[in-house]
Amino acid sequence: MKIDSVHFYVEDAKVWRDWFVHHLGFEAVASKINSLHTCTEAVKSGVVYFLLSSPLLPTSPVAEFLRHHPPGVADVAFAVEDVEAAIALAQAYGATILQPIQERQVGNASLKSGKIAAWGGLTHTLIERSKVSSQLQLTTDSNITTIDHIVLNVAVGELERAVAWYEKILDLQPQQTFKIQTDRSALHSQVMVSRDGSVQLPINEPASSNSQIQEFLDVNRGSGIQHIALRTPNLKKAIAQFRERGLSLLSVPQTYYTQLKKRPGLPLSALELEAIAQQEILVDWKEDTQNAVLLQIFTQPIFGQPTFFFEFIERRFQAQGFGEGNFRALFEAIESEQIKRGTLQ
């Protein structure tokens, strides 16, 4: 199973198409979805494919979504080998089938897909493409090459149920568990991974009433996708370009790097650490894995409300998992933004 595409519901698809092109260097491509009530644009980078839809008429499903939620991710589509088996399995476990399997021709290739309801306003389209069909050809000079992981926030008490749902219906397996707590707030997280490792879905629930996860749930009016991590082969270079293009990123205090130097086995030269600190990139590693380094940075919420944001990630020497040090640093960085907004005392 692989992530096929992500579908955002927004107020103006053309504005957001231009935002992805200008800020993140995506390429605009012709959308294969046409409708009288909905405008849909598409952008790509590497094998990342995003659909952006906005309503033309009040009858648009996008208009209905936006009546209940702020702009954000409405659907995450997964490419599966056998869509009929996948939909039958989902149905057997009680998933709501929103769209039965449909088949259509795209050029000389066939595409079969069905759609199921997930958490909150989120849906999953399951897609089976014929062997001659492919979503994208890889573009070689992209700063962004693939989706590393997608993070889902669910309401307090729903984490176990969400984990069981993804395990049964999409055959994702539980891996790392996080329990992050600061002086002010807390969260619990369970990382779910497909058997081939190509899909990673951390699921978060709030563990305190003032948690940033709870703030997301309140503003989003329910569960939903909190962020998407986009992988890049050279994070320092990519972030320098994104900053030049006006992208707003979360601040990291320089004291973070002072503490980093005290950790044993820092696998970066003093010169590179200085360059990384200048871009405010988070660094994590395991002492027992030589040179395997995780570099991460996070945008401010992109839609103006404290809901959806992007992460950019570089995994050096096949660094695996999610660095607990980075996870905590992200949590604290978002807390400082909550304090500025007055939603965390």
Protein backbone atom coordinates (compact mmCIF):
# COMPACT_ATOMS: atom_id res chain seq x y z
CA MET A 1 0.00 0.00 0.00
CA LYS A 2 1.18 3.50 -0.82
CA ILE A 3 -0.12 7.04 -0.43
CA ASP A 4 -1.58 7.88 -3.83
CA SER A 5 -2.67 11.48 -3.27
CA VAL A 6 -3.99 13.94 -0.69
CA HIS A 7 -7.08 16.05 -1.34
CA PHE A 8 -7.41 19.47 0.33
CA TYR A 9 -10.74 21.29 0.54
CA VAL A 10 -10.11 25.05 0.44
CA GLU A 11 -11.97 28.27 -0.24
CA ASP A 12 -10.10 29.09 -3.49
CA ALA A 13 -8.32 26.25 -5.30
CA LYS A 14 -6.49 28.53 -7.75
CA VAL A 15 -5.05 30.69 -4.95
CA TRP A 16 -3.77 27.59 -3.17
CA ARG A 17 -2.38 26.08 -6.38
CA ASP A 18 -0.32 29.27 -6.77
CA TRP A 19 0.70 29.12 -3.08
CA PHE A 20 2.17 25.61 -3.51
CA VAL A 21 3.95 26.64 -6.70
CA HIS A 22 5.36 29.89 -5.28
CA HIS A 23 6.22 28.86 -1.70
CA LEU A 24 7.16 25.19 -2.04
CA GLY A 25 8.24 24.89 -5.67
CA PHE A 26 5.49 22.47 -6.69
CA GLU A 27 4.50 22.16 -10.34
CA ALA A 28 0.90 22.82 -11.40
CA VAL A 29 -0.56 19.94 -13.43
CA ALA A 30 -3.89 19.44 -15.17
CA SER A 31 -6.48 17.98 -12.82
CA LYS A 32 -8.34 14.90 -14.05
CA ILE A 33 -11.40 15.83 -11.96
CA ASN A 34 -14.00 18.05 -13.60
CA SER A 35 -17.30 19.18 -12.11
CA LEU A 36 -19.96 21.86 -12.50
CA HIS A 37 -20.09 22.54 -8.75
CA THR A 38 -16.39 22.21 -7.78
CA CYS A 39 -13.13 23.70 -9.04
CA THR A 40 -10.19 21.28 -8.68
CA GLU A 41 -6.53 22.08 -9.24
CA ALA A 42 -3.58 19.69 -8.91
CA VAL A 43 0.07 20.18 -7.96
CA LYS A 44 2.99 17.76 -7.77
CA SER A 45 6.55 17.53 -6.53
CA GLY A 46 8.54 14.32 -6.83
CA VAL A 47 5.91 11.61 -6.31
CA VAL A 48 3.80 13.90 -4.09
CA TYR A 49 0.41 14.65 -5.67
CA PHE A 50 -2.04 17.10 -4.06
CA LEU A 51 -5.56 17.90 -5.22
CA LEU A 52 -7.03 21.26 -4.20
CA SER A 53 -10.80 21.74 -4.48
CA SER A 54 -13.05 24.74 -3.81
CA PRO A 55 -16.81 25.15 -4.26
CA LEU A 56 -18.34 26.81 -7.33
CA LEU A 57 -21.88 26.20 -6.07
CA PRO A 58 -23.43 25.62 -2.61
CA THR A 59 -24.18 22.02 -3.73
CA SER A 60 -20.46 21.22 -3.87
CA PRO A 61 -19.29 18.60 -1.31
CA VAL A 62 -16.48 21.07 -0.60
CA ALA A 63 -19.04 23.69 0.47
CA GLU A 64 -20.59 21.10 2.79
CA PHE A 65 -17.17 20.24 4.27
CA LEU A 66 -16.32 23.92 4.81
CA ARG A 67 -19.63 24.47 6.64
CA HIS A 68 -18.39 22.01 9.28
CA HIS A 69 -14.59 22.40 9.23
CA PRO A 70 -11.95 25.00 8.36
CA PRO A 71 -9.91 24.37 5.18
CA GLY A 72 -7.74 21.28 5.38
CA VAL A 73 -7.28 17.68 4.30
CA ALA A 74 -10.56 16.00 3.37
CA ASP A 75 -9.24 12.78 1.82
CA VAL A 76 -6.08 10.69 1.89
CA ALA A 77 -6.05 8.24 -1.03
CA PHE A 78 -4.17 4.95 -0.81
CA ALA A 79 -3.05 2.86 -3.79
CA VAL A 80 -3.93 -0.79 -3.12
CA GLU A 81 -3.34 -3.98 -5.10
CA ASP A 82 -6.95 -5.21 -4.97
CA VAL A 83 -9.57 -2.52 -4.34
CA GLU A 84 -12.48 -4.98 -4.30
CA ALA A 85 -10.84 -7.00 -1.51
CA ALA A 86 -9.93 -3.79 0.38
CA ILE A 87 -13.50 -2.41 0.22
CA ALA A 88 -14.98 -5.81 1.15
CA LEU A 89 -12.67 -5.99 4.19
CA ALA A 90 -13.59 -2.45 5.24
CA GLN A 91 -17.29 -3.29 4.93
CA ALA A 92 -16.86 -6.52 6.93
CA TYR A 93 -15.36 -4.50 9.82
CA GLY A 94 -18.19 -1.98 9.75
CA ALA A 95 -16.59 0.91 7.86
CA THR A 96 -19.03 3.27 6.16
CA ILE A 97 -18.73 2.96 2.37
CA LEU A 98 -19.23 6.46 0.96
CA GLN A 99 -18.63 5.55 -2.66
CA PRO A 100 -18.90 2.01 -4.04
CA ILE A 101 -16.24 0.86 -6.48
CA GLN A 102 -16.21 2.78 -9.73
CA GLU A 103 -14.07 2.11 -12.78
CA ARG A 104 -12.92 4.66 -15.31
CA GLN A 105 -10.41 4.93 -18.13
CA VAL A 106 -7.56 7.41 -17.86
CA GLY A 107 -5.92 7.39 -21.28
CA ASN A 108 -5.09 3.75 -22.05
CA ALA A 109 -5.13 2.75 -18.36
CA SER A 110 -7.96 1.75 -16.06
CA LEU A 111 -8.53 2.98 -12.55
CA LYS A 112 -10.86 1.42 -9.96
CA SER A 113 -11.67 3.24 -6.73
CA GLY A 114 -13.98 3.29 -3.74
CA LYS A 115 -14.23 5.60 -0.74
CA ILE A 116 -14.68 4.96 2.99
CA ALA A 117 -15.35 7.27 5.95
CA ALA A 118 -12.61 7.61 8.56
CA TRP A 119 -12.32 10.03 11.51
CA GLY A 120 -14.18 13.36 11.68
CA GLY A 121 -14.59 14.74 8.16
CA LEU A 122 -11.69 12.63 6.86
CA THR A 123 -12.24 10.01 4.16
CA HIS A 124 -9.98 7.48 2.45
CA THR A 125 -10.19 6.74 -1.26
CA LEU A 126 -8.81 3.29 -2.11
CA ILE A 127 -7.42 3.14 -5.64
CA GLU A 128 -6.31 0.26 -7.83
CA ARG A 129 -4.40 1.33 -10.92
CA SER A 130 -3.72 -0.91 -13.88
CA LYS A 131 -0.05 -1.74 -14.42
CA VAL A 132 0.32 0.78 -17.27
CA SER A 133 -1.15 3.53 -15.12
CA SER A 134 0.95 5.61 -12.76
CA GLN A 135 0.02 8.74 -10.84
CA LEU A 136 3.28 10.56 -11.46
CA GLN A 137 6.66 10.41 -13.04
CA LEU A 138 9.37 11.41 -10.56
CA THR A 139 10.77 14.87 -11.14
CA THR A 140 14.49 14.78 -10.42
CA ASP A 141 15.20 18.36 -9.30
CA SER A 142 12.44 18.62 -6.67
CA ASN A 143 13.19 19.89 -3.18
CA ILE A 144 10.29 17.65 -2.08
CA THR A 145 10.38 14.04 -3.22
CA THR A 146 7.80 12.03 -1.27
CA ILE A 147 5.39 12.02 1.67
CA ASP A 148 7.21 10.73 4.75
CA HIS A 149 4.21 10.52 7.07
CA ILE A 150 0.74 11.93 7.74
CA VAL A 151 -0.45 12.75 11.28
CA LEU A 152 -4.04 12.28 12.44
CA ASN A 153 -5.44 13.92 15.59
CA VAL A 154 -8.38 12.21 17.34
CA ALA A 155 -10.47 13.13 20.39
CA VAL A 156 -9.52 12.11 23.91
CA GLY A 157 -10.32 8.44 24.52
CA GLU A 158 -10.38 7.60 20.78
CA LEU A 159 -6.73 6.64 20.26
CA GLU A 160 -7.15 2.92 20.94
CA ARG A 161 -10.25 2.73 18.75
CA ALA A 162 -8.51 4.58 15.89
CA VAL A 163 -5.46 2.30 16.17
CA ALA A 164 -7.70 -0.80 16.03
CA TRP A 165 -9.62 0.62 13.05
CA TYR A 166 -6.49 1.26 10.98
CA GLU A 167 -5.08 -2.11 11.97
CA LYS A 168 -8.17 -4.04 10.90
CA ILE A 169 -9.30 -2.05 7.89
CA LEU A 170 -6.02 -0.88 6.31
CA ASP A 171 -3.66 -3.48 7.85
CA LEU A 172 -1.40 -0.85 9.42
CA GLN A 173 0.78 -2.12 12.27
CA PRO A 174 1.48 -0.28 15.57
CA GLN A 175 5.11 0.78 16.05
CA GLN A 176 6.52 3.61 18.18
CA THR A 177 4.47 4.99 21.07
CA PHE A 178 5.01 8.48 22.51
CA LYS A 179 3.79 10.04 25.74
CA ILE A 180 4.94 13.64 25.68
CA GLN A 181 4.39 15.83 28.74
CA THR A 182 5.65 19.30 29.58
CA ASP A 183 4.90 21.53 32.57
CA ARG A 184 1.87 22.83 30.70
CA SER A 185 0.27 20.07 28.60
CA ALA A 186 0.51 16.53 27.23
CA LEU A 187 -0.31 14.17 24.35
CA HIS A 188 -0.27 10.46 23.58
CA SER A 189 0.73 9.19 20.14
CA GLN A 190 0.80 5.81 18.40
CA VAL A 191 2.63 5.43 15.10
CA MET A 192 0.93 3.10 12.59
CA VAL A 193 2.97 1.72 9.65
CA SER A 194 2.08 -0.35 6.59
CA ARG A 195 3.77 -3.76 6.30
CA ASP A 196 6.12 -2.52 3.56
CA GLY A 197 6.90 0.67 5.53
CA SER A 198 5.75 3.04 2.78
CA VAL A 199 2.79 4.43 4.77
CA GLN A 200 3.43 5.97 8.21
CA LEU A 201 0.46 7.35 10.15
CA PRO A 202 1.08 8.66 13.67
CA ILE A 203 -2.22 9.12 15.55
CA ASN A 204 -2.36 11.65 18.41
CA GLU A 205 -4.87 12.20 21.21
CA PRO A 206 -4.80 14.96 23.83
CA ALA A 207 -3.70 13.92 27.32
CA SER A 208 -4.61 17.27 28.92
CA SER A 209 -7.50 19.69 28.37
CA ASN A 210 -5.19 22.49 27.20
CA SER A 211 -3.12 20.30 24.86
CA GLN A 212 -2.30 21.61 21.38
CA ILE A 213 -4.12 18.50 20.11
CA GLN A 214 -7.26 19.63 21.93
CA GLU A 215 -6.87 23.12 20.45
CA PHE A 216 -6.66 21.55 16.98
CA LEU A 217 -9.79 19.46 17.66
CA ASP A 218 -11.70 22.51 18.92
CA VAL A 219 -10.77 24.74 15.97
CA ASN A 220 -11.13 21.93 13.40
CA ARG A 221 -14.44 20.96 14.98
CA GLY A 222 -13.47 17.32 15.18
CA SER A 223 -10.74 14.85 14.30
CA GLY A 224 -8.57 15.47 11.27
CA ILE A 225 -5.14 15.58 9.66
CA GLN A 226 -2.84 17.82 11.71
CA HIS A 227 0.18 17.76 9.43
CA ILE A 228 1.91 16.10 6.50
CA ALA A 229 5.66 15.50 6.55
CA LEU A 230 7.33 16.01 3.17
CA ARG A 231 10.71 14.42 2.62
CA THR A 232 13.61 16.28 1.05
CA PRO A 233 17.15 15.09 0.18
CA ASN A 234 18.71 18.38 1.39
CA LEU A 235 16.75 20.11 4.15
CA LYS A 236 19.18 23.01 4.70
CA LYS A 237 19.03 23.98 1.02
CA ALA A 238 15.25 23.51 0.77
CA ILE A 239 14.50 25.59 3.88
CA ALA A 240 16.80 28.42 2.78
CA GLN A 241 14.81 28.57 -0.49
CA PHE A 242 11.43 28.33 1.25
CA ARG A 243 12.38 31.18 3.60
CA GLU A 244 13.38 33.32 0.59
CA ARG A 245 9.93 32.61 -0.88
CA GLY A 246 8.23 33.88 2.28
CA LEU A 247 7.24 30.61 3.97
CA SER A 248 6.50 31.06 7.70
CA LEU A 249 8.17 28.45 9.90
CA LEU A 250 8.07 27.63 13.61
CA SER A 251 10.82 29.28 15.63
CA VAL A 252 13.30 27.20 17.63
CA PRO A 253 15.18 28.92 20.49
CA GLN A 254 18.98 28.92 20.17
CA THR A 255 19.14 27.32 23.65
CA TYR A 256 17.90 24.15 21.88
CA TYR A 257 21.26 23.95 20.04
CA THR A 258 23.21 24.65 23.23
CA GLN A 259 21.50 21.62 24.80
CA LEU A 260 22.09 19.59 21.62
CA LYS A 261 25.87 20.04 21.90
CA LYS A 262 25.76 18.46 25.36
CA ARG A 263 24.21 15.22 24.08
CA PRO A 264 26.76 12.42 23.52
CA GLY A 265 27.63 11.38 19.97
CA LEU A 266 26.50 14.44 18.03
CA PRO A 267 27.03 13.24 14.42
CA LEU A 268 27.40 16.73 12.88
CA SER A 269 30.42 18.97 12.48
CA ALA A 270 30.43 22.31 14.31
CA LEU A 271 30.17 24.07 10.93
CA GLU A 272 27.11 22.09 9.82
CA LEU A 273 25.41 22.47 13.20
CA GLU A 274 25.86 26.24 12.88
CA ALA A 275 24.22 26.18 9.42
CA ILE A 276 21.37 24.01 10.76
CA ALA A 277 20.88 26.32 13.76
CA GLN A 278 20.73 29.30 11.39
CA GLN A 279 17.77 27.66 9.61
CA GLU A 280 16.23 26.59 12.98
CA ILE A 281 16.12 22.91 12.00
CA LEU A 282 15.59 20.22 14.67
CA VAL A 283 18.17 17.41 14.92
CA ASP A 284 17.82 13.95 16.43
CA TRP A 285 19.83 10.72 16.40
CA LYS A 286 20.33 7.49 18.29
CA GLU A 287 23.70 7.02 19.89
CA ASP A 288 23.93 3.40 18.67
CA THR A 289 23.25 4.14 14.97
CA GLN A 290 26.27 5.69 13.28
CA ASN A 291 25.47 8.76 11.12
CA ALA A 292 21.68 8.04 11.08
CA VAL A 293 20.34 11.57 11.62
CA LEU A 294 16.80 12.91 11.55
CA LEU A 295 16.42 16.57 10.51
CA GLN A 296 12.98 18.18 10.83
CA ILE A 297 11.32 21.59 10.65
CA PHE A 298 7.69 22.72 10.77
CA THR A 299 5.70 25.51 9.16
CA GLN A 300 3.27 27.78 10.92
CA PRO A 301 -0.36 26.70 10.28
CA ILE A 302 -0.88 27.48 6.59
CA PHE A 303 -4.63 28.27 6.60
CA GLY A 304 -4.55 31.06 9.18
CA GLN A 305 -6.17 29.01 11.96
CA PRO A 306 -4.16 26.75 14.33
CA THR A 307 -4.97 23.56 12.45
CA PHE A 308 -3.01 22.17 9.48
CA PHE A 309 0.74 22.65 8.95
CA PHE A 310 3.58 21.02 7.00
CA GLU A 311 6.71 19.33 8.25
CA PHE A 312 9.86 18.94 6.14
CA ILE A 313 12.12 16.02 6.96
CA GLU A 314 15.49 14.64 5.88
CA ARG A 315 16.49 11.11 6.90
CA ARG A 316 20.23 10.57 6.63
CA PHE A 317 21.64 7.04 6.38
CA GLN A 318 18.15 5.51 6.50
CA ALA A 319 17.33 7.06 9.90
CA GLN A 320 14.14 5.36 11.03
CA GLY A 321 11.16 6.29 13.18
CA PHE A 322 10.37 9.60 14.82
CA GLY A 323 12.95 11.18 17.11
CA GLU A 324 11.54 11.59 20.60
CA GLY A 325 13.77 14.62 21.16
CA ASN A 326 12.39 16.30 18.02
CA PHE A 327 8.83 15.32 18.97
CA ARG A 328 9.21 17.07 22.31
CA ALA A 329 10.90 20.11 20.75
CA LEU A 330 8.02 20.42 18.25
CA PHE A 331 5.51 20.11 21.08
CA GLU A 332 7.23 22.90 23.01
CA ALA A 333 7.51 25.12 19.90
CA ILE A 334 3.76 24.79 19.28
CA GLU A 335 3.12 25.48 22.98
CA SER A 336 4.97 28.80 22.63
CA GLU A 337 2.66 29.67 19.70
CA GLN A 338 -0.35 28.71 21.87
CA ILE A 339 0.89 31.10 24.56
CA LYS A 340 1.09 33.91 21.96
CA ARG A 341 -2.52 33.12 20.92
CA GLY A 342 -3.63 33.12 24.55
CA THR A 343 -4.92 29.53 24.42
CA LEU A 344 -2.33 28.16 26.86
CA GLN A 345 -1.54 29.67 30.25
